[in-house]
Amino acid sequence: LIYSGLRCTTHSKDFTPWVASLTTDLMSLLLKKLATMEKETATATTDAVKKKKKKNMNRANSSRAFMLLLYLLRAPFYQKYTKNKLMFLVALIKHIPLLGSGLLGPILEITFELFERRY
């Protein structure tokens, strides 16, 4: 929401929306981690319940951490840094006989073209 709002009010190549949104997500992860640590010390539960809660929290935190990787695909970071590296990777993959030249290379090129049109 912050990213979209700032994106509408700033220039398309401005990093302000990207940085504000990334900072908000990082702070959210940090506060969540601090809150769970504080909660664990305050409550007395059995080991089985603790293990189950910890497993669920780890799964949720890992998915949220994975979502941070998607910041590499957001404008303007994508246009300035990520795009060239991904295109270089596609060019390398295309040189792999059969797999890259016939199957994976064209699929990746089409995917990146569609991604750029969409976002």
Protein backbone atom coordinates (compact mmCIF):
# COMPACT_ATOMS: atom_id res chain seq x y z
CA LEU A 1 0.00 0.00 0.00
CA ILE A 2 2.83 2.37 0.87
CA TYR A 3 4.68 1.42 -2.30
CA SER A 4 1.65 2.01 -4.52
CA GLY A 5 0.78 5.32 -2.88
CA LEU A 6 4.29 6.71 -3.14
CA ARG A 7 4.69 5.36 -6.65
CA CYS A 8 1.70 7.43 -7.76
CA THR A 9 3.12 10.61 -6.24
CA THR A 10 6.78 10.29 -7.28
CA HIS A 11 8.76 9.85 -10.48
CA SER A 12 8.87 6.29 -11.87
CA LYS A 13 12.66 6.04 -11.44
CA ASP A 14 12.63 7.32 -7.86
CA PHE A 15 13.76 4.84 -5.20
CA THR A 16 11.69 6.44 -2.40
CA PRO A 17 8.67 4.11 -2.71
CA TRP A 18 10.92 1.06 -2.94
CA VAL A 19 12.98 2.02 0.12
CA ALA A 20 9.91 2.99 2.17
CA SER A 21 8.15 -0.27 1.42
CA LEU A 22 11.24 -2.39 2.08
CA THR A 23 11.85 -0.57 5.37
CA THR A 24 8.25 -1.15 6.43
CA ASP A 25 8.46 -4.87 5.67
CA LEU A 26 11.81 -5.26 7.44
CA MET A 27 10.49 -3.45 10.51
CA SER A 28 7.41 -5.67 10.47
CA LEU A 29 9.57 -8.80 10.46
CA LEU A 30 11.75 -7.45 13.24
CA LEU A 31 8.81 -6.46 15.44
CA LYS A 32 7.13 -9.82 14.86
CA LYS A 33 10.32 -11.63 15.88
CA LEU A 34 10.71 -9.48 19.00
CA ALA A 35 7.07 -10.01 19.96
CA THR A 36 7.31 -13.78 19.62
CA MET A 37 10.53 -13.88 21.64
CA GLU A 38 8.90 -11.85 24.40
CA LYS A 39 5.78 -13.99 24.28
CA GLU A 40 7.79 -17.22 24.55
CA THR A 41 9.49 -16.07 27.73
CA ALA A 42 6.23 -14.90 29.30
CA THR A 43 4.11 -18.02 28.72
CA ALA A 44 4.60 -21.43 30.27
CA THR A 45 3.49 -24.18 27.89
CA THR A 46 4.43 -27.78 27.27
CA ASP A 47 7.32 -28.72 25.00
CA ALA A 48 5.03 -30.27 22.37
CA VAL A 49 2.97 -27.10 22.09
CA LYS A 50 6.12 -24.98 21.91
CA LYS A 51 7.54 -27.12 19.11
CA LYS A 52 4.32 -26.93 17.10
CA LYS A 53 4.10 -23.14 17.51
CA LYS A 54 7.75 -22.74 16.63
CA LYS A 55 7.33 -24.85 13.47
CA ASN A 56 4.35 -22.74 12.36
CA MET A 57 6.20 -19.50 13.12
CA ASN A 58 9.28 -20.65 11.20
CA ARG A 59 7.13 -21.50 8.20
CA ALA A 60 5.43 -18.09 8.30
CA ASN A 61 8.72 -16.25 8.77
CA SER A 62 10.41 -18.12 5.93
CA SER A 63 7.58 -17.25 3.55
CA ARG A 64 7.77 -13.61 4.61
CA ALA A 65 11.53 -13.65 4.13
CA PHE A 66 11.02 -15.14 0.65
CA MET A 67 8.66 -12.29 -0.14
CA LEU A 68 11.55 -9.90 0.52
CA LEU A 69 13.29 -11.43 -2.50
CA LEU A 70 10.50 -10.07 -4.64
CA TYR A 71 11.86 -6.58 -3.93
CA LEU A 72 14.52 -7.47 -6.50
CA LEU A 73 11.74 -7.54 -9.11
CA ARG A 74 10.14 -4.22 -8.20
CA ALA A 75 10.74 -1.07 -10.16
CA PRO A 76 13.10 0.84 -10.21
CA PHE A 77 15.50 -1.72 -8.67
CA TYR A 78 14.59 -4.22 -11.39
CA GLN A 79 15.30 -1.80 -14.23
CA LYS A 80 18.56 -0.58 -12.77
CA TYR A 81 20.12 -3.74 -11.35
CA THR A 82 18.20 -7.00 -11.69
CA LYS A 83 17.14 -6.91 -15.33
CA ASN A 84 20.65 -7.02 -16.82
CA LYS A 85 21.71 -9.88 -14.55
CA LEU A 86 18.62 -11.92 -15.38
CA MET A 87 19.05 -11.35 -19.11
CA PHE A 88 22.70 -12.45 -18.80
CA LEU A 89 21.53 -15.61 -17.03
CA VAL A 90 18.99 -16.31 -19.78
CA ALA A 91 21.73 -15.86 -22.41
CA LEU A 92 23.91 -18.38 -20.55
CA ILE A 93 21.05 -20.85 -20.29
CA LYS A 94 20.33 -20.53 -24.01
CA HIS A 95 23.81 -21.84 -24.77
CA ILE A 96 23.07 -25.18 -23.08
CA PRO A 97 22.36 -27.69 -25.86
CA LEU A 98 18.77 -28.96 -26.11
CA LEU A 99 17.66 -27.75 -22.70
CA GLY A 100 18.52 -24.07 -23.06
CA SER A 101 18.23 -23.54 -26.78
CA GLY A 102 15.08 -25.56 -27.33
CA LEU A 103 13.08 -25.50 -24.14
CA LEU A 104 14.12 -23.38 -21.19
CA GLY A 105 15.66 -20.38 -23.00
CA PRO A 106 12.59 -19.41 -25.05
CA ILE A 107 10.27 -19.96 -22.08
CA LEU A 108 12.38 -17.66 -19.90
CA GLU A 109 12.54 -14.98 -22.61
CA ILE A 110 8.76 -15.01 -23.05
CA THR A 111 8.26 -14.94 -19.29
CA PHE A 112 10.50 -11.90 -18.87
CA GLU A 113 8.81 -10.09 -21.76
CA LEU A 114 5.39 -10.71 -20.23
CA PHE A 115 6.66 -9.67 -16.81
CA GLU A 116 8.02 -6.39 -18.17
CA ARG A 117 4.74 -5.61 -19.92
CA ARG A 118 2.74 -6.38 -16.80
CA TYR A 119 4.88 -4.53 -14.30
